[in-house]
Amino acid sequence: MRQKARRWTKLLLGWTFLVLGVLGLFLPILQGVLFLAIGFSILAQEQPWARRLIDRGRHRWPRAATVFDDAKHKAEAWVHRVTH
């Protein structure tokens, strides 16, 4: 039961960050790309399509890999705070 709750929490957090990321692309007050990267990093822990999208982005934009890595560390910190 606890494992299922963690999974749903990760999915909810991931989708929340994706929505904030899309909003951030249009609103100057939010960092859209960073929120998108965090959202995809969280979703990649549970969803294979998100993992493939991140890998594709790493190959297409090698310089952006640092943004993905930074987002992954932030996402892990968020998930750890929320699920523990």
Protein backbone atom coordinates (compact mmCIF):
# COMPACT_ATOMS: atom_id res chain seq x y z
CA MET A 1 0.00 0.00 0.00
CA ARG A 2 2.81 2.42 0.90
CA GLN A 3 4.58 1.65 -2.40
CA LYS A 4 1.43 2.51 -4.32
CA ALA A 5 1.09 5.80 -2.45
CA ARG A 6 4.69 6.70 -3.28
CA ARG A 7 4.11 5.93 -6.95
CA TRP A 8 1.03 8.14 -7.08
CA THR A 9 2.85 10.90 -5.24
CA LYS A 10 5.68 10.79 -7.77
CA LEU A 11 3.22 10.89 -10.65
CA LEU A 12 1.34 13.81 -9.11
CA LEU A 13 4.56 15.74 -8.45
CA GLY A 14 5.86 15.03 -11.94
CA TRP A 15 2.71 16.21 -13.67
CA THR A 16 2.52 19.26 -11.39
CA PHE A 17 6.03 20.30 -12.37
CA LEU A 18 5.22 19.72 -16.04
CA VAL A 19 2.20 22.02 -15.79
CA LEU A 20 4.28 24.64 -13.98
CA GLY A 21 6.94 24.26 -16.68
CA VAL A 22 4.45 24.88 -19.47
CA LEU A 23 3.13 27.91 -17.60
CA GLY A 24 6.71 29.05 -17.06
CA LEU A 25 7.32 29.08 -20.79
CA PHE A 26 4.76 31.88 -21.05
CA LEU A 27 5.11 33.62 -17.69
CA PRO A 28 8.40 35.40 -16.97
CA ILE A 29 8.18 34.74 -13.23
CA LEU A 30 8.60 30.94 -13.50
CA GLN A 31 11.59 29.02 -14.86
CA GLY A 32 9.78 26.93 -17.43
CA VAL A 33 12.63 24.82 -18.77
CA LEU A 34 13.86 23.92 -15.29
CA PHE A 35 10.37 22.94 -14.12
CA LEU A 36 9.88 20.83 -17.25
CA ALA A 37 13.19 19.08 -16.65
CA ILE A 38 12.29 18.41 -13.00
CA GLY A 39 8.86 17.11 -14.00
CA PHE A 40 10.30 14.76 -16.60
CA SER A 41 12.97 13.58 -14.16
CA ILE A 42 10.34 12.68 -11.59
CA LEU A 43 8.13 10.98 -14.16
CA ALA A 44 11.10 9.08 -15.58
CA GLN A 45 11.32 7.18 -12.29
CA GLU A 46 7.91 5.64 -13.00
CA GLN A 47 7.21 6.12 -16.71
CA PRO A 48 9.40 4.65 -19.50
CA TRP A 49 8.20 7.23 -22.06
CA ALA A 50 9.58 10.05 -19.89
CA ARG A 51 12.94 8.25 -19.56
CA ARG A 52 13.13 7.86 -23.37
CA LEU A 53 12.28 11.54 -23.84
CA ILE A 54 15.07 12.59 -21.48
CA ASP A 55 17.55 10.29 -23.24
CA ARG A 56 16.51 11.67 -26.62
CA GLY A 57 16.98 15.22 -25.33
CA ARG A 58 20.44 14.37 -23.98
CA HIS A 59 21.53 13.09 -27.39
CA ARG A 60 19.99 15.95 -29.31
CA TRP A 61 21.23 18.74 -26.99
CA PRO A 62 24.39 17.57 -25.20
CA ARG A 63 24.93 20.95 -23.54
CA ALA A 64 21.49 20.74 -21.99
CA ALA A 65 22.49 17.52 -20.24
CA THR A 66 23.69 19.62 -17.32
CA VAL A 67 20.19 21.06 -16.97
CA PHE A 68 18.79 17.53 -16.95
CA ASP A 69 21.34 16.45 -14.34
CA ASP A 70 20.60 19.47 -12.15
CA ALA A 71 16.87 18.85 -12.50
CA LYS A 72 17.32 15.20 -11.62
CA HIS A 73 19.07 16.08 -8.35
CA LYS A 74 16.37 18.61 -7.47
CA ALA A 75 13.65 16.13 -8.37
CA GLU A 76 15.20 13.46 -6.17
CA ALA A 77 15.32 15.91 -3.27
CA TRP A 78 11.65 16.85 -3.77
CA VAL A 79 10.52 13.25 -3.99
CA HIS A 80 12.54 12.30 -0.93
CA ARG A 81 11.02 15.14 1.10
CA VAL A 82 7.48 14.31 0.08
CA THR A 83 7.56 10.53 0.29
CA HIS A 84 9.56 10.14 3.51
